[in-house]
PDB file of N, CA and C in Angstrom:
ATOM      1  N   MET A   1     -11.930 -13.730  14.494  1.00  0.00           N
ATOM      2  CA  MET A   1     -11.891 -12.366  14.979  1.00  0.00           C
ATOM      3  C   MET A   1     -10.433 -11.961  15.183  1.00  0.00           C
ATOM      4  N   MET A   2     -10.095 -10.760  14.789  1.00  0.00           N
ATOM      5  CA  MET A   2      -8.731 -10.266  14.904  1.00  0.00           C
ATOM      6  C   MET A   2      -8.586  -9.461  16.188  1.00  0.00           C
ATOM      7  N   LYS A   3      -7.555  -9.726  16.912  1.00  0.00           N
ATOM      8  CA  LYS A   3      -7.277  -8.938  18.111  1.00  0.00           C
ATOM      9  C   LYS A   3      -6.472  -7.712  17.697  1.00  0.00           C
ATOM     10  N   MET A   4      -6.782  -6.595  18.291  1.00  0.00           N
ATOM     11  CA  MET A   4      -6.090  -5.353  17.971  1.00  0.00           C
ATOM     12  C   MET A   4      -5.174  -4.979  19.126  1.00  0.00           C
ATOM     13  N   ILE A   5      -3.976  -4.615  18.784  1.00  0.00           N
ATOM     14  CA  ILE A   5      -3.019  -4.126  19.766  1.00  0.00           C
ATOM     15  C   ILE A   5      -3.072  -2.602  19.702  1.00  0.00           C
ATOM     16  N   LYS A   6      -3.148  -1.978  20.830  1.00  0.00           N
ATOM     17  CA  LYS A   6      -3.241  -0.518  20.870  1.00  0.00           C
ATOM     18  C   LYS A   6      -2.105   0.096  20.053  1.00  0.00           C
ATOM     19  N   GLY A   7      -2.479   0.951  19.091  1.00  0.00           N
ATOM     20  CA  GLY A   7      -1.500   1.615  18.248  1.00  0.00           C
ATOM     21  C   GLY A   7      -0.965   0.717  17.147  1.00  0.00           C
ATOM     22  N   GLY A   8      -1.577  -0.434  16.922  1.00  0.00           N
ATOM     23  CA  GLY A   8      -1.077  -1.388  15.941  1.00  0.00           C
ATOM     24  C   GLY A   8      -1.889  -1.440  14.669  1.00  0.00           C
ATOM     25  N   PHE A   9      -2.252  -2.622  14.274  1.00  0.00           N
ATOM     26  CA  PHE A   9      -2.876  -2.906  13.005  1.00  0.00           C
ATOM     27  C   PHE A   9      -4.256  -2.276  12.870  1.00  0.00           C
ATOM     28  N   ASN A  10      -4.502  -1.648  11.706  1.00  0.00           N
ATOM     29  CA  ASN A  10      -5.824  -1.122  11.364  1.00  0.00           C
ATOM     30  C   ASN A  10      -6.231  -1.747  10.035  1.00  0.00           C
ATOM     31  N   GLU A  11      -7.309  -2.519  10.050  1.00  0.00           N
ATOM     32  CA  GLU A  11      -7.752  -3.235   8.856  1.00  0.00           C
ATOM     33  C   GLU A  11      -8.163  -2.264   7.753  1.00  0.00           C
ATOM     34  N   ARG A  12      -7.747  -2.574   6.501  1.00  0.00           N
ATOM     35  CA  ARG A  12      -8.042  -1.802   5.291  1.00  0.00           C
ATOM     36  C   ARG A  12      -7.529  -0.358   5.359  1.00  0.00           C
ATOM     37  N   MET A  13      -6.495  -0.118   6.143  1.00  0.00           N
ATOM     38  CA  MET A  13      -5.937   1.223   6.287  1.00  0.00           C
ATOM     39  C   MET A  13      -4.597   1.284   5.557  1.00  0.00           C
ATOM     40  N   TRP A  14      -4.395   2.354   4.787  1.00  0.00           N
ATOM     41  CA  TRP A  14      -3.157   2.555   4.034  1.00  0.00           C
ATOM     42  C   TRP A  14      -1.960   2.520   4.983  1.00  0.00           C
ATOM     43  N   GLN A  15      -0.935   1.823   4.620  1.00  0.00           N
ATOM     44  CA  GLN A  15       0.305   1.612   5.361  1.00  0.00           C
ATOM     45  C   GLN A  15       0.137   0.701   6.573  1.00  0.00           C
ATOM     46  N   HIS A  16      -1.016   0.075   6.747  1.00  0.00           N
ATOM     47  CA  HIS A  16      -1.215  -0.867   7.841  1.00  0.00           C
ATOM     48  C   HIS A  16      -1.520  -2.255   7.315  1.00  0.00           C
ATOM     49  N   ASP A  17      -2.524  -2.355   6.449  1.00  0.00           N
ATOM     50  CA  ASP A  17      -3.041  -3.645   6.006  1.00  0.00           C
ATOM     51  C   ASP A  17      -2.458  -4.010   4.643  1.00  0.00           C
ATOM     52  N   ARG A  18      -1.333  -4.707   4.650  1.00  0.00           N
ATOM     53  CA  ARG A  18      -0.638  -5.065   3.407  1.00  0.00           C
ATOM     54  C   ARG A  18      -1.486  -5.976   2.532  1.00  0.00           C
ATOM     55  N   GLY A  19      -2.333  -6.793   3.134  1.00  0.00           N
ATOM     56  CA  GLY A  19      -3.156  -7.710   2.369  1.00  0.00           C
ATOM     57  C   GLY A  19      -4.306  -7.042   1.628  1.00  0.00           C
ATOM     58  N   ALA A  20      -4.627  -5.817   1.962  1.00  0.00           N
ATOM     59  CA  ALA A  20      -5.762  -5.125   1.352  1.00  0.00           C
ATOM     60  C   ALA A  20      -5.404  -4.468   0.020  1.00  0.00           C
ATOM     61  N   TYR A  21      -4.123  -4.360  -0.295  1.00  0.00           N
ATOM     62  CA  TYR A  21      -3.683  -3.659  -1.498  1.00  0.00           C
ATOM     63  C   TYR A  21      -2.732  -4.534  -2.292  1.00  0.00           C
ATOM     64  N   SER A  22      -2.901  -4.539  -3.619  1.00  0.00           N
ATOM     65  CA  SER A  22      -1.993  -5.292  -4.480  1.00  0.00           C
ATOM     66  C   SER A  22      -0.710  -4.493  -4.679  1.00  0.00           C
ATOM     67  N   ASP A  23       0.326  -5.153  -5.147  1.00  0.00           N
ATOM     68  CA  ASP A  23       1.589  -4.461  -5.429  1.00  0.00           C
ATOM     69  C   ASP A  23       1.368  -3.336  -6.440  1.00  0.00           C
ATOM     70  N   GLU A  24       0.519  -3.601  -7.442  1.00  0.00           N
ATOM     71  CA  GLU A  24       0.258  -2.602  -8.480  1.00  0.00           C
ATOM     72  C   GLU A  24      -0.435  -1.371  -7.899  1.00  0.00           C
ATOM     73  N   GLU A  25      -1.403  -1.584  -7.020  1.00  0.00           N
ATOM     74  CA  GLU A  25      -2.094  -0.450  -6.401  1.00  0.00           C
ATOM     75  C   GLU A  25      -1.123   0.395  -5.585  1.00  0.00           C
ATOM     76  N   ILE A  26      -0.269  -0.264  -4.856  1.00  0.00           N
ATOM     77  CA  ILE A  26       0.701   0.464  -4.020  1.00  0.00           C
ATOM     78  C   ILE A  26       1.666   1.247  -4.896  1.00  0.00           C
ATOM     79  N   GLU A  27       2.128   0.651  -5.989  1.00  0.00           N
ATOM     80  CA  GLU A  27       3.043   1.347  -6.901  1.00  0.00           C
ATOM     81  C   GLU A  27       2.379   2.572  -7.517  1.00  0.00           C
ATOM     82  N   ILE A  28       1.112   2.431  -7.930  1.00  0.00           N
ATOM     83  CA  ILE A  28       0.390   3.549  -8.542  1.00  0.00           C
ATOM     84  C   ILE A  28       0.215   4.690  -7.544  1.00  0.00           C
ATOM     85  N   TRP A  29      -0.253   4.367  -6.342  1.00  0.00           N
ATOM     86  CA  TRP A  29      -0.462   5.409  -5.329  1.00  0.00           C
ATOM     87  C   TRP A  29       0.859   6.046  -4.903  1.00  0.00           C
ATOM     88  N   ASN A  30       1.912   5.239  -4.744  1.00  0.00           N
ATOM     89  CA  ASN A  30       3.212   5.803  -4.368  1.00  0.00           C
ATOM     90  C   ASN A  30       3.735   6.756  -5.438  1.00  0.00           C
ATOM     91  N   ALA A  31       3.559   6.403  -6.716  1.00  0.00           N
ATOM     92  CA  ALA A  31       4.010   7.282  -7.802  1.00  0.00           C
ATOM     93  C   ALA A  31       3.258   8.606  -7.757  1.00  0.00           C
ATOM     94  N   ARG A  32       1.955   8.521  -7.533  1.00  0.00           N
ATOM     95  CA  ARG A  32       1.140   9.747  -7.461  1.00  0.00           C
ATOM     96  C   ARG A  32       1.524  10.588  -6.242  1.00  0.00           C
ATOM     97  N   LEU A  33       1.742   9.942  -5.122  1.00  0.00           N
ATOM     98  CA  LEU A  33       2.133  10.675  -3.913  1.00  0.00           C
ATOM     99  C   LEU A  33       3.499  11.337  -4.082  1.00  0.00           C
ATOM    100  N   LYS A  34       4.431  10.663  -4.763  1.00  0.00           N
ATOM    101  CA  LYS A  34       5.752  11.265  -5.016  1.00  0.00           C
ATOM    102  C   LYS A  34       5.612  12.508  -5.880  1.00  0.00           C
ATOM    103  N   GLN A  35       4.739  12.421  -6.885  1.00  0.00           N
ATOM    104  CA  GLN A  35       4.505  13.559  -7.764  1.00  0.00           C
ATOM    105  C   GLN A  35       3.894  14.729  -6.991  1.00  0.00           C
ATOM    106  N   LEU A  36       2.876  14.453  -6.211  1.00  0.00           N
ATOM    107  CA  LEU A  36       2.205  15.504  -5.451  1.00  0.00           C
ATOM    108  C   LEU A  36       3.082  16.086  -4.351  1.00  0.00           C
ATOM    109  N   SER A  37       3.998  15.280  -3.814  1.00  0.00           N
ATOM    110  CA  SER A  37       4.833  15.749  -2.707  1.00  0.00           C
ATOM    111  C   SER A  37       5.863  16.792  -3.146  1.00  0.00           C
ATOM    112  N   GLN A  38       6.027  16.969  -4.448  1.00  0.00           N
ATOM    113  CA  GLN A  38       6.921  18.030  -4.914  1.00  0.00           C
ATOM    114  C   GLN A  38       6.363  19.405  -4.547  1.00  0.00           C
ATOM    115  N   LYS A  39       5.037  19.534  -4.554  1.00  0.00           N
ATOM    116  CA  LYS A  39       4.402  20.792  -4.161  1.00  0.00           C
ATOM    117  C   LYS A  39       3.913  20.758  -2.722  1.00  0.00           C
ATOM    118  N   HIS A  40       3.668  19.567  -2.217  1.00  0.00           N
ATOM    119  CA  HIS A  40       3.148  19.399  -0.862  1.00  0.00           C
ATOM    120  C   HIS A  40       4.030  18.394  -0.114  1.00  0.00           C
ATOM    121  N   PRO A  41       5.150  18.830   0.440  1.00  0.00           N
ATOM    122  CA  PRO A  41       6.118  17.913   1.051  1.00  0.00           C
ATOM    123  C   PRO A  41       5.554  17.014   2.151  1.00  0.00           C
ATOM    124  N   TRP A  42       4.489  17.421   2.811  1.00  0.00           N
ATOM    125  CA  TRP A  42       3.913  16.602   3.886  1.00  0.00           C
ATOM    126  C   TRP A  42       3.352  15.284   3.370  1.00  0.00           C
ATOM    127  N   LEU A  43       3.099  15.188   2.068  1.00  0.00           N
ATOM    128  CA  LEU A  43       2.577  13.938   1.497  1.00  0.00           C
ATOM    129  C   LEU A  43       3.631  12.833   1.440  1.00  0.00           C
ATOM    130  N   GLN A  44       4.891  13.172   1.608  1.00  0.00           N
ATOM    131  CA  GLN A  44       5.943  12.161   1.625  1.00  0.00           C
ATOM    132  C   GLN A  44       5.737  11.154   2.753  1.00  0.00           C
ATOM    133  N   ASP A  45       5.069  11.588   3.811  1.00  0.00           N
ATOM    134  CA  ASP A  45       4.804  10.691   4.939  1.00  0.00           C
ATOM    135  C   ASP A  45       3.871   9.549   4.558  1.00  0.00           C
ATOM    136  N   PHE A  46       3.128   9.693   3.464  1.00  0.00           N
ATOM    137  CA  PHE A  46       2.157   8.691   3.062  1.00  0.00           C
ATOM    138  C   PHE A  46       2.678   7.731   1.996  1.00  0.00           C
ATOM    139  N   ILE A  47       3.924   7.923   1.560  1.00  0.00           N
ATOM    140  CA  ILE A  47       4.528   6.995   0.606  1.00  0.00           C
ATOM    141  C   ILE A  47       4.862   5.717   1.358  1.00  0.00           C
ATOM    142  N   TRP A  48       4.343   4.614   0.863  1.00  0.00           N
ATOM    143  CA  TRP A  48       4.456   3.327   1.543  1.00  0.00           C
ATOM    144  C   TRP A  48       5.750   2.647   1.145  1.00  0.00           C
ATOM    145  N   LYS A  49       6.637   2.484   2.092  1.00  0.00           N
ATOM    146  CA  LYS A  49       7.919   1.806   1.859  1.00  0.00           C
ATOM    147  C   LYS A  49       7.726   0.326   2.196  1.00  0.00           C
ATOM    148  N   ILE A  50       7.565  -0.476   1.155  1.00  0.00           N
ATOM    149  CA  ILE A  50       7.282  -1.902   1.330  1.00  0.00           C
ATOM    150  C   ILE A  50       8.590  -2.665   1.498  1.00  0.00           C
ATOM    151  N   ASN A  51       8.683  -3.408   2.571  1.00  0.00           N
ATOM    152  CA  ASN A  51       9.827  -4.283   2.781  1.00  0.00           C
ATOM    153  C   ASN A  51       9.520  -5.628   2.126  1.00  0.00           C
ATOM    154  N   PRO A  52      10.516  -6.253   1.510  1.00  0.00           N
ATOM    155  CA  PRO A  52      10.267  -7.572   0.929  1.00  0.00           C
ATOM    156  C   PRO A  52       9.822  -8.556   2.002  1.00  0.00           C
ATOM    157  N   LYS A  53       8.911  -9.450   1.614  1.00  0.00           N
ATOM    158  CA  LYS A  53       8.432 -10.436   2.579  1.00  0.00           C
ATOM    159  C   LYS A  53       9.582 -11.350   2.979  1.00  0.00           C
ATOM    160  N   GLN A  54       9.676 -11.608   4.254  1.00  0.00           N
ATOM    161  CA  GLN A  54      10.723 -12.474   4.775  1.00  0.00           C
ATOM    162  C   GLN A  54      10.121 -13.812   5.157  1.00  0.00           C
ATOM    163  N   LYS A  55      10.922 -14.840   5.019  1.00  0.00           N
ATOM    164  CA  LYS A  55      10.467 -16.153   5.452  1.00  0.00           C
ATOM    165  C   LYS A  55      10.442 -16.177   6.978  1.00  0.00           C
ATOM    166  N   PRO A  56       9.432 -16.816   7.544  1.00  0.00           N
ATOM    167  CA  PRO A  56       9.400 -16.914   9.007  1.00  0.00           C
ATOM    168  C   PRO A  56      10.567 -17.755   9.518  1.00  0.00           C
ATOM    169  N   HIS A  57      11.053 -17.407  10.671  1.00  0.00           N
ATOM    170  CA  HIS A  57      12.156 -18.170  11.253  1.00  0.00           C
ATOM    171  C   HIS A  57      11.852 -18.405  12.737  1.00  0.00           C
ATOM    172  N   LEU A  58      12.381 -19.466  13.235  1.00  0.00           N
ATOM    173  CA  LEU A  58      12.152 -19.862  14.614  1.00  0.00           C
ATOM    174  C   LEU A  58      13.048 -19.036  15.548  1.00  0.00           C
ATOM    175  N   VAL A  59      12.426 -18.504  16.578  1.00  0.00           N
ATOM    176  CA  VAL A  59      13.152 -17.711  17.561  1.00  0.00           C
ATOM    177  C   VAL A  59      13.060 -18.428  18.901  1.00  0.00           C
ATOM    178  N   HIS A  60      14.194 -18.601  19.551  1.00  0.00           N
ATOM    179  CA  HIS A  60      14.228 -19.255  20.865  1.00  0.00           C
ATOM    180  C   HIS A  60      14.401 -18.192  21.944  1.00  0.00           C
ATOM    181  N   PHE A  61      13.533 -18.230  22.919  1.00  0.00           N
ATOM    182  CA  PHE A  61      13.641 -17.316  24.051  1.00  0.00           C
ATOM    183  C   PHE A  61      14.154 -18.128  25.256  1.00  0.00           C
ATOM    184  N   THR A  62      15.050 -17.517  25.980  1.00  0.00           N
ATOM    185  CA  THR A  62      15.577 -18.204  27.170  1.00  0.00           C
ATOM    186  C   THR A  62      15.183 -17.489  28.417  1.00  0.00           C
TER     187      THR A  62
END
């Protein structure tokens, strides 16, 4: 069972669940959203800016 943090992760939701969409799907939808945003600028908010996956690193708290 997944715990939800208020205002956080939403399963199978665009721009939330990276595991639900392949790179190709994201590229296709982003291209379409960029095209549509020329006439409808508010659609720019839905273009998914994917950050490259980072390797986990150990963090020490004091």
